[in-house]
Protein backbone atom coordinates (compact mmCIF):
# COMPACT_ATOMS: atom_id res chain seq x y z
CA MET A 1 21.83 18.85 36.46
CA LYS A 2 23.38 16.94 39.40
CA ASN A 3 20.10 17.10 41.31
CA LEU A 4 18.18 15.75 38.33
CA LEU A 5 20.66 12.90 37.97
CA LYS A 6 20.29 11.99 41.66
CA LYS A 7 16.49 12.13 41.42
CA TYR A 8 16.38 9.90 38.35
CA ILE A 9 18.74 7.34 39.85
CA LYS A 10 16.43 7.10 42.89
CA LYS A 11 13.15 7.15 40.98
CA ASP A 12 12.10 5.89 37.55
CA ASP A 13 10.17 9.00 36.54
CA ALA A 14 9.46 10.01 32.92
CA ASP A 15 9.24 13.74 33.78
CA ILE A 16 12.62 13.74 35.52
CA LEU A 17 14.23 12.01 32.54
CA HIS A 18 12.62 14.54 30.20
CA ASP A 19 13.92 17.48 32.30
CA LEU A 20 17.37 15.90 32.39
CA ARG A 21 17.45 15.64 28.60
CA VAL A 22 16.20 19.22 28.14
CA GLN A 23 18.92 20.60 30.44
CA ALA A 24 21.59 18.58 28.63
CA ARG A 25 20.45 19.91 25.24
CA LYS A 26 20.38 23.51 26.46
CA LYS A 27 23.92 23.28 27.84
CA ILE A 28 25.23 21.65 24.65
CA SER A 29 23.54 24.30 22.46
CA LEU A 30 25.05 27.14 24.50
CA LEU A 31 28.49 25.52 24.44
CA SER A 32 28.25 25.24 20.64
CA LEU A 33 28.30 29.06 20.45
CA GLU A 34 31.83 28.85 21.90
CA ASN A 35 32.74 26.07 19.48
CA LYS A 36 32.72 23.57 22.35
CA THR A 37 30.66 20.57 23.42
CA ASP A 38 30.23 18.33 26.44
CA LYS A 39 30.89 14.68 25.60
CA GLY A 40 29.34 13.56 28.88
CA LEU A 41 26.05 15.33 28.15
CA GLU A 42 26.08 14.09 24.55
CA ASN A 43 26.31 10.56 25.93
CA ILE A 44 23.41 11.19 28.32
CA LEU A 45 21.24 12.14 25.34
CA LYS A 46 22.44 9.24 23.23
CA LYS A 47 22.06 6.59 25.92
CA SER A 48 18.66 7.78 27.16
CA SER A 49 17.02 8.35 23.76
CA LYS A 50 15.37 4.93 23.38
CA LEU A 51 14.50 4.92 27.09
CA ARG A 52 12.64 8.22 26.66
CA ASP A 53 10.85 6.76 23.62
CA THR A 54 9.43 3.93 25.75
CA ASP A 55 8.03 6.49 28.23
CA VAL A 56 6.33 8.45 25.46
CA LEU A 57 5.06 5.47 23.47
CA LYS A 58 3.48 3.86 26.54
CA CYS A 59 1.20 6.92 26.73
CA ILE A 60 0.08 6.93 23.10
CA CYS A 61 0.20 3.28 21.93
CA LYS A 62 -2.49 1.99 24.27
CA LYS A 63 -2.66 -1.63 23.20
CA LYS A 64 -1.96 -4.30 25.84
CA LYS A 65 0.59 -6.21 23.75
CA ILE A 66 2.48 -3.03 22.88
CA ILE A 67 2.48 -1.72 26.46
CA LYS A 68 3.78 -5.05 27.75
CA TYR A 69 6.53 -5.00 25.10
CA LEU A 70 7.45 -1.38 25.97
CA GLN A 71 7.54 -2.06 29.74
CA LYS A 72 9.93 -4.95 29.22
CA LYS A 73 12.11 -2.86 26.91
CA HIS A 74 12.02 0.08 29.36
CA LYS A 75 13.24 -2.07 32.25
CA LYS A 76 16.19 -3.33 30.25
CA LEU A 77 17.12 0.15 28.92
CA ARG A 78 16.85 1.81 32.35
CA LYS A 79 19.18 -0.80 33.85
CA LYS A 80 21.79 -0.01 31.16
CA PHE A 81 21.32 3.75 31.58
CA LEU A 82 21.73 3.61 35.37
CA LYS A 83 24.95 1.65 34.91
CA PHE A 84 26.21 4.43 32.62
CA LEU A 85 25.16 7.16 35.08
CA LYS A 86 27.27 5.63 37.89
CA ASN A 87 30.41 6.67 35.99
CA PHE A 88 29.02 9.87 34.44
CA LYS A 89 31.21 12.97 34.30
CA ASN A 90 31.14 16.19 32.31
CA GLU A 91 33.78 16.43 29.59
CA ILE A 92 33.87 19.83 27.89
CA VAL A 93 36.01 19.78 24.74
CA GLU A 94 36.71 21.99 21.74
CA LYS A 95 34.88 20.95 18.60
CA LYS A 96 37.21 19.63 15.92
CA PHE A 97 35.21 21.14 13.09
CA GLU A 98 34.48 24.70 12.07
CA LYS A 99 31.96 26.52 14.23
CA GLN A 100 28.42 26.46 12.86
CA ALA A 101 26.56 29.38 14.35
CA LEU A 102 22.91 28.62 14.99
CA SER A 103 21.98 32.04 13.68
CA LEU A 104 18.67 33.57 12.79
CA GLU A 105 19.63 33.13 9.13
CA LYS A 106 20.22 29.40 9.59
CA CYS A 107 16.85 29.03 11.35
CA LYS A 108 15.14 30.90 8.54
CA ASN A 109 16.76 28.84 5.77
CA LEU A 110 15.89 25.64 7.60
CA LEU A 111 12.20 26.56 7.63
CA LEU A 112 11.68 28.08 4.19
CA ASP A 113 10.27 24.91 2.63
CA SER A 114 6.88 23.41 3.53
CA PHE A 115 6.82 20.42 5.90
CA LEU A 116 4.01 18.86 3.89
CA GLY A 117 5.21 16.06 1.64
CA GLN A 118 8.52 15.63 3.52
CA ASN A 119 9.24 12.22 5.04
CA ASP A 120 9.25 11.53 8.77
CA LYS A 121 13.02 11.10 9.06
CA THR A 122 13.73 14.43 7.33
CA LEU A 123 11.22 16.21 9.59
CA HIS A 124 12.84 14.66 12.66
CA LYS A 125 16.24 16.05 11.58
CA ILE A 126 14.64 19.48 11.05
CA ARG A 127 13.17 19.29 14.55
CA ILE A 128 16.61 18.65 16.06
CA GLU A 129 18.01 21.73 14.29
CA VAL A 130 14.98 23.84 15.31
CA LYS A 131 15.66 22.82 18.91
CA LYS A 132 19.25 24.07 18.66
CA CYS A 133 18.07 27.33 17.10
CA ARG A 134 15.53 27.77 19.88
CA TYR A 135 18.07 27.32 22.68
CA THR A 136 20.54 29.75 21.11
CA ASN A 137 17.98 32.36 19.96
CA PRO A 138 15.72 32.99 22.99
CA SER A 139 13.90 35.86 21.21
CA LEU A 140 12.40 33.26 18.84
CA GLU A 141 11.17 30.96 21.64
CA LYS A 142 7.47 31.63 20.99
CA TYR A 143 7.67 30.47 17.36
CA LEU A 144 10.34 27.78 17.48
CA LYS A 145 8.89 25.98 20.51
CA LYS A 146 5.55 25.60 18.71
CA ILE A 147 7.28 24.14 15.64
CA GLN A 148 9.48 21.86 17.76
CA ASP A 149 6.63 20.58 19.94
CA ASN A 150 4.33 19.75 17.02
CA LEU A 151 7.09 18.06 15.00
CA GLY A 152 7.96 16.10 18.14
CA LEU A 153 4.40 14.89 18.64
CA MET A 154 4.19 14.02 14.95
CA HIS A 155 7.36 11.92 15.29
CA ASP A 156 6.00 10.15 18.39
CA TYR A 157 2.89 9.13 16.46
CA TYR A 158 5.07 8.02 13.54
CA LYS A 159 6.91 5.65 15.93
CA CYS A 160 3.59 4.47 17.35
CA GLU A 161 2.36 3.83 13.82
CA LYS A 162 5.36 1.58 13.19
CA LEU A 163 4.68 -0.35 16.41
CA MET A 164 0.99 -0.74 15.57
CA LYS A 165 1.93 -2.26 12.21
CA LYS A 166 4.55 -4.51 13.83
CA PHE A 167 1.95 -5.94 16.23
CA GLY A 168 -0.74 -6.28 13.56
CA TYR A 169 -3.01 -3.43 14.68
CA ASN A 170 -4.80 -0.99 12.36
CA PRO A 171 -2.88 2.32 12.63
CA THR A 172 -5.48 4.57 10.92
CA LYS A 173 -6.32 6.63 14.05
CA ILE A 174 -2.63 7.05 14.85
CA ILE A 175 -1.88 8.19 11.28
CA LEU A 176 -4.67 10.79 11.52
CA LYS A 177 -3.17 12.13 14.77
CA LYS A 178 0.27 12.21 13.16
CA LEU A 179 -1.14 14.28 10.27
CA LYS A 180 -2.91 16.60 12.73
CA TYR A 181 0.41 17.50 14.36
CA LEU A 182 2.15 17.80 11.00
CA ASN A 183 -0.45 20.38 9.93
CA LYS A 184 -0.03 22.26 13.22
CA ALA A 185 3.75 22.29 12.70
CA GLU A 186 3.28 23.61 9.17
CA LYS A 187 0.98 26.37 10.42
CA ALA A 188 3.60 27.33 13.06
CA ARG A 189 6.32 27.31 10.37
CA LYS A 190 4.30 29.76 8.24
CA GLU A 191 3.73 32.02 11.27
CA PHE A 192 7.49 32.07 11.89
CA ILE A 193 8.26 33.04 8.26
CA VAL A 194 5.63 35.83 8.37
CA PHE A 195 7.15 37.07 11.66
CA LEU A 196 10.61 37.26 10.07
CA LYS A 197 9.25 39.36 7.21
CA THR A 198 7.69 41.95 9.51
């Protein structure tokens, strides 16, 4: 984690930021099994979330006006994030609420209902929970990663769709890509449920 922090401070690199966020999530998920969390890592995730969005959206919203807007936003957000990182420290604390085990049963219940017809915000919340389940149930990696990745791509295209509308572009192609990843996520969800029944 320290090496990733040093690398990102030196170089504005989307892959390094992504790796940093993944490591933070993994550590937080594992700490949750002990009814603990790391406030420092939680803040890294919180304060780099919109910054990470600009990296992703620059790759999929390929309109000049949007890219220019995202580059400007990215510069401002990175400056704020680097300021935060200068004083970063880990702060492991006990959770003040009852432990919520990210068990196989919780994962299963989370994924019983179809993704089709659910709104983007609900699906994004499901993705966050799937991510926690994945990090604390390594035996389910194959299935949960597929669900997480496709819901994540769907959410990225949802955000791009909003930007396209904001800047007056036709978002039809983006909506079709969003639906493509939603259908892939739904297929992966069904595979996971079948796996649990075997």
